[in-house]
Amino acid sequence: MRIDCHNHANYSPDASQTLEELAETAVRAGAGYLAVTEHMDLGFPNDKRPEGELIFDYRVNERYFSDIGALREKYAGRLEIVAGIEAGFTPEDTARTAAELAKYPFGYVINSVHICHGLDCYWPGYFDGYDKERAYGEYLDAVRASLDAPYRYDAIGHLGYISRSAPYADKRMLYADYADRLDDILSEIIRRDKILEVNSSAGASGSLCLPDPSIIKRYRELGGKLINFGSDSHRTERFNYNYDAVAGMLEALGFKEWAVVRGGKIRTEAIG
């Protein structure tokens, strides 16, 4: 089955596509499973954002679920649509995030790290005064802390996010460079039966996907089996971006199935 488990539409402040446009694009692409995962970054440092950056407000409400419900009816039999969320982890905001997650019947929850030392690590200013080892190490420590978040989540999103806009000559986050930290993170993901998202929106990282294939290879060596695909689309032309290349890479590493969430439980579908 062709899937896409990470997408943003008009309930995210940085997306240009509507839910209707996203669903129609998924149908045209031949996808059978679509997770809409709007942003929930309750601790986003809007007061520190660089000039020109968006205000990252949280927009999900009851209408989000009714809109997706209408699309489910419209595309019944052609496309499975899940009303999900991408919950950005900040340690001081876990209680608020837990309360918000409990308010609504989210069908799928991605646990992502965007914020380190009070800044979005996509912003160039995040790296001021940091060499690569320190910047990436701090990010990985935040990812490890996020695995202990006191709320339900199903998958770990875009591991290596920090590399998308890093200023270094070699931006890649390779397994060999952070082996101890990554072994700890990957082993904990496996222990908790969480899904490792393979995100094709790698930006200028130099990697095919996030995490880098070297990290995915190690995940497999450690016994990891639960993976899915997310394009992280914010506009229609990015839906299923690089799907075939990523799926081919995963199959070469020995993965045969996607992990998708239905009714709160992980199910598998053949990679297709």
Protein backbone atom coordinates (compact mmCIF):
# COMPACT_ATOMS: atom_id res chain seq x y z
CA MET A 1 0.00 0.00 0.00
CA ARG A 2 1.14 3.52 -0.77
CA ILE A 3 0.96 5.65 2.38
CA ASP A 4 1.86 9.08 3.72
CA CYS A 5 1.80 9.56 7.48
CA HIS A 6 2.99 13.16 7.91
CA ASN A 7 1.12 16.03 6.24
CA HIS A 8 0.02 19.57 7.09
CA ALA A 9 -2.92 21.52 5.75
CA ASN A 10 -4.97 24.57 6.70
CA TYR A 11 -5.02 23.78 10.43
CA SER A 12 -1.25 24.37 10.49
CA PRO A 13 0.05 27.96 10.31
CA ASP A 14 2.80 27.16 7.80
CA ALA A 15 0.84 25.10 5.24
CA SER A 16 -0.62 26.37 1.97
CA GLN A 17 -2.80 23.36 1.03
CA THR A 18 -6.35 22.78 2.25
CA LEU A 19 -7.54 19.46 3.64
CA GLU A 20 -9.61 18.97 0.49
CA GLU A 21 -6.60 19.62 -1.76
CA LEU A 22 -4.46 17.25 0.30
CA ALA A 23 -7.01 14.42 0.10
CA GLU A 24 -7.53 14.89 -3.63
CA THR A 25 -3.76 14.88 -4.20
CA ALA A 26 -3.46 11.65 -2.20
CA VAL A 27 -6.15 9.98 -4.31
CA ARG A 28 -4.47 11.05 -7.54
CA ALA A 29 -1.14 9.70 -6.25
CA GLY A 30 -2.71 6.31 -5.60
CA ALA A 31 -2.28 6.44 -1.83
CA GLY A 32 -4.44 4.19 0.30
CA TYR A 33 -3.61 5.71 3.71
CA LEU A 34 -3.30 9.40 4.55
CA ALA A 35 -2.53 10.81 8.00
CA VAL A 36 -3.13 14.52 8.47
CA THR A 37 -0.79 15.65 11.24
CA GLU A 38 -1.33 19.33 11.98
CA HIS A 39 1.10 21.20 14.20
CA MET A 40 0.75 21.35 17.98
CA ASP A 41 3.77 23.26 19.29
CA LEU A 42 2.43 24.75 22.50
CA GLY A 43 5.87 25.85 23.66
CA PHE A 44 6.91 27.47 20.38
CA PRO A 45 9.09 30.57 21.05
CA ASN A 46 7.10 33.06 18.98
CA ASP A 47 8.55 35.92 21.01
CA LYS A 48 12.05 34.98 19.81
CA ARG A 49 11.27 34.34 16.16
CA PRO A 50 13.49 36.04 13.55
CA GLU A 51 12.03 38.80 11.42
CA GLY A 52 9.74 37.39 8.76
CA GLU A 53 9.07 34.08 10.51
CA LEU A 54 5.48 32.95 11.05
CA ILE A 55 3.64 33.10 14.35
CA PHE A 56 3.26 29.41 15.17
CA ASP A 57 -0.21 29.31 16.69
CA TYR A 58 -2.20 26.17 17.45
CA ARG A 59 -5.36 25.91 15.33
CA VAL A 60 -6.92 22.47 15.86
CA ASN A 61 -10.51 22.47 17.15
CA GLU A 62 -13.75 20.48 16.73
CA ARG A 63 -14.11 21.67 13.16
CA TYR A 64 -10.87 19.89 12.23
CA PHE A 65 -12.48 16.55 13.03
CA SER A 66 -15.76 17.37 11.31
CA ASP A 67 -13.89 18.49 8.17
CA ILE A 68 -11.93 15.25 8.09
CA GLY A 69 -15.11 13.30 8.76
CA ALA A 70 -16.67 14.86 5.66
CA LEU A 71 -13.63 13.93 3.59
CA ARG A 72 -13.78 10.34 4.87
CA GLU A 73 -17.33 10.10 3.55
CA LYS A 74 -16.40 11.68 0.24
CA TYR A 75 -13.43 9.36 -0.37
CA ALA A 76 -14.81 6.22 1.29
CA GLY A 77 -13.47 3.10 -0.38
CA ARG A 78 -10.68 5.05 -2.09
CA LEU A 79 -8.65 6.59 0.73
CA GLU A 80 -8.32 5.99 4.47
CA ILE A 81 -7.92 9.38 6.20
CA VAL A 82 -6.69 9.69 9.78
CA ALA A 83 -7.08 12.83 11.89
CA GLY A 84 -3.67 13.07 13.50
CA ILE A 85 -1.38 15.60 15.13
CA GLU A 86 2.34 16.39 15.31
CA ALA A 87 3.05 17.20 18.96
CA GLY A 88 6.21 19.25 19.35
CA PHE A 89 8.05 18.31 22.53
CA THR A 90 9.24 20.95 24.98
CA PRO A 91 9.84 19.62 28.50
CA GLU A 92 8.25 22.55 30.31
CA ASP A 93 5.01 22.19 28.32
CA THR A 94 4.31 18.46 28.65
CA ALA A 95 1.35 18.93 31.00
CA ARG A 96 -0.36 21.34 28.59
CA THR A 97 0.39 19.06 25.65
CA ALA A 98 -1.00 16.05 27.51
CA ALA A 99 -4.18 17.96 28.36
CA GLU A 100 -4.67 19.07 24.76
CA LEU A 101 -4.08 15.58 23.39
CA ALA A 102 -6.69 14.25 25.80
CA LYS A 103 -9.32 16.72 24.56
CA TYR A 104 -9.72 15.27 21.08
CA PRO A 105 -9.86 11.81 19.46
CA PHE A 106 -6.59 11.95 17.55
CA GLY A 107 -6.10 8.83 15.47
CA TYR A 108 -2.33 9.20 15.19
CA VAL A 109 0.24 11.21 17.15
CA ILE A 110 3.78 12.07 16.02
CA ASN A 111 6.26 13.03 18.74
CA SER A 112 8.70 15.57 17.26
CA VAL A 113 11.47 17.81 18.55
CA HIS A 114 11.74 21.24 16.95
CA ILE A 115 12.91 23.36 19.91
CA CYS A 116 16.27 23.26 21.68
CA HIS A 117 17.69 25.84 24.10
CA GLY A 118 14.57 27.92 23.53
CA LEU A 119 14.87 28.22 19.75
CA ASP A 120 13.58 26.36 16.71
CA CYS A 121 16.66 24.50 15.48
CA TYR A 122 15.52 25.20 11.91
CA TRP A 123 16.36 28.88 12.47
CA PRO A 124 19.91 29.89 11.44
CA GLY A 125 20.37 31.72 14.74
CA TYR A 126 20.04 28.45 16.63
CA PHE A 127 23.60 27.55 15.62
CA ASP A 128 25.29 30.76 16.81
CA GLY A 129 28.24 29.78 18.99
CA TYR A 130 27.63 26.04 18.49
CA ASP A 131 29.85 23.63 16.63
CA LYS A 132 28.22 20.64 14.98
CA GLU A 133 29.01 18.16 17.74
CA ARG A 134 27.47 20.33 20.44
CA ALA A 135 24.44 21.41 18.40
CA TYR A 136 23.57 17.91 17.21
CA GLY A 137 24.34 16.38 20.59
CA GLU A 138 21.97 18.77 22.35
CA TYR A 139 19.27 18.01 19.82
CA LEU A 140 19.67 14.26 20.30
CA ASP A 141 19.49 14.70 24.07
CA ALA A 142 16.16 16.48 23.56
CA VAL A 143 14.92 13.64 21.35
CA ARG A 144 15.87 11.15 24.04
CA ALA A 145 14.01 13.19 26.66
CA SER A 146 10.95 13.32 24.40
CA LEU A 147 10.65 9.54 24.50
CA ASP A 148 9.69 9.86 28.17
CA ALA A 149 6.91 12.36 27.43
CA PRO A 150 3.92 11.69 29.73
CA TYR A 151 1.40 11.46 26.93
CA ARG A 152 0.41 9.06 24.20
CA TYR A 153 2.36 9.12 20.96
CA ASP A 154 2.72 6.59 18.15
CA ALA A 155 5.80 7.62 16.18
CA ILE A 156 9.03 9.59 16.39
CA GLY A 157 9.08 12.29 13.73
CA HIS A 158 11.93 13.35 11.45
CA LEU A 159 14.87 12.21 13.60
CA GLY A 160 17.66 14.50 12.42
CA TYR A 161 15.42 17.56 11.89
CA ILE A 162 18.26 19.81 13.00
CA SER A 163 20.27 18.91 9.89
CA ARG A 164 17.74 20.43 7.48
CA SER A 165 19.19 23.93 7.68
CA ALA A 166 22.46 23.46 9.58
CA PRO A 167 25.33 25.74 8.44
CA TYR A 168 28.00 23.03 8.33
CA ALA A 169 29.80 21.83 5.18
CA ASP A 170 28.56 18.30 5.88
CA LYS A 171 25.12 18.67 7.41
CA ARG A 172 24.32 14.96 7.64
CA MET A 173 23.61 13.32 10.97
CA LEU A 174 25.33 9.98 10.43
CA TYR A 175 25.03 7.02 12.76
CA ALA A 176 28.80 6.61 13.20
CA ASP A 177 29.20 10.18 14.47
CA TYR A 178 26.65 9.82 17.30
CA ALA A 179 26.56 6.06 17.81
CA ASP A 180 26.13 5.98 21.59
CA ARG A 181 23.31 8.55 21.69
CA LEU A 182 21.57 7.01 18.69
CA ASP A 183 21.81 3.47 20.05
CA ASP A 184 20.13 4.69 23.23
CA ILE A 185 17.37 6.45 21.28
CA LEU A 186 16.77 3.63 18.81
CA SER A 187 16.78 0.97 21.52
CA GLU A 188 14.22 2.95 23.51
CA ILE A 189 11.99 3.40 20.46
CA ILE A 190 12.10 -0.36 19.96
CA ARG A 191 11.50 -1.09 23.64
CA ARG A 192 8.43 1.13 23.67
CA ASP A 193 7.03 -0.34 20.42
CA LYS A 194 6.96 3.07 18.75
CA ILE A 195 7.20 3.73 15.02
CA LEU A 196 10.31 5.28 13.50
CA GLU A 197 9.11 7.73 10.88
CA VAL A 198 11.13 7.93 7.66
CA ASN A 199 10.64 11.52 6.55
CA SER A 200 11.46 12.42 2.96
CA SER A 201 11.58 16.17 3.62
CA ALA A 202 15.30 16.22 4.30
CA GLY A 203 15.86 19.79 3.15
CA ALA A 204 19.52 20.63 2.53
CA SER A 205 20.73 17.97 4.96
CA GLY A 206 22.50 15.95 2.28
CA SER A 207 20.60 12.80 3.28
CA LEU A 208 17.93 11.01 1.27
CA CYS A 209 15.60 11.16 4.26
CA LEU A 210 15.44 11.76 8.00
CA PRO A 211 16.80 9.87 9.75
CA ASP A 212 19.78 9.28 7.49
CA PRO A 213 19.82 5.76 5.99
CA SER A 214 22.84 4.89 8.15
CA ILE A 215 20.65 5.38 11.23
CA ILE A 216 17.79 3.37 9.74
CA LYS A 217 20.24 0.57 8.98
CA ARG A 218 21.31 0.53 12.63
CA TYR A 219 17.67 0.54 13.75
CA ARG A 220 17.18 -2.59 11.68
CA GLU A 221 20.30 -4.20 13.16
CA LEU A 222 19.00 -3.54 16.67
CA GLY A 223 15.76 -5.35 15.82
CA GLY A 224 13.62 -2.39 14.80
CA LYS A 225 10.70 -3.29 12.56
CA LEU A 226 8.15 -0.49 12.85
CA ILE A 227 8.66 2.16 10.18
CA ASN A 228 6.43 4.38 8.12
CA PHE A 229 6.74 7.06 5.47
CA GLY A 230 6.02 10.76 5.84
CA SER A 231 6.57 13.41 3.20
CA ASP A 232 5.92 16.24 5.69
CA SER A 233 4.01 17.97 2.92
CA HIS A 234 2.81 21.53 3.45
CA ARG A 235 1.79 22.06 -0.17
CA THR A 236 0.33 19.68 -2.72
CA GLU A 237 3.43 19.28 -4.88
CA ARG A 238 5.34 17.84 -1.92
CA PHE A 239 2.90 15.04 -1.15
CA ASN A 240 4.62 11.62 -1.32
CA TYR A 241 7.89 13.41 -2.18
CA ASN A 242 10.65 10.88 -3.04
CA TYR A 243 8.36 8.02 -2.01
CA ASP A 244 9.73 5.48 -4.48
CA ALA A 245 13.37 6.21 -3.64
CA VAL A 246 12.74 5.95 0.10
CA ALA A 247 10.65 2.78 -0.24
CA GLY A 248 13.36 1.21 -2.40
CA MET A 249 16.05 2.06 0.13
CA LEU A 250 14.00 0.53 2.96
CA GLU A 251 13.31 -2.64 1.01
CA ALA A 252 17.06 -2.96 0.31
CA LEU A 253 17.62 -2.81 4.09
CA GLY A 254 15.14 -5.65 4.60
CA PHE A 255 11.94 -3.81 5.49
CA LYS A 256 8.83 -5.27 3.86
CA GLU A 257 5.96 -3.59 5.73
CA TRP A 258 4.74 -0.15 6.73
CA ALA A 259 3.41 0.37 10.23
CA VAL A 260 0.15 2.35 10.28
CA VAL A 261 -2.18 3.20 13.14
CA ARG A 262 -5.82 2.17 13.04
CA GLY A 263 -8.14 2.48 16.00
CA GLY A 264 -5.24 3.25 18.30
CA LYS A 265 -3.36 0.08 17.33
CA ILE A 266 -0.39 -0.48 15.05
CA ARG A 267 -1.19 -2.48 11.93
CA THR A 268 1.05 -3.45 9.03
CA GLU A 269 0.71 -3.02 5.30
CA ALA A 270 3.05 -4.29 2.59
CA ILE A 271 5.33 -1.59 1.22
CA GLY A 272 3.91 -0.67 -2.17
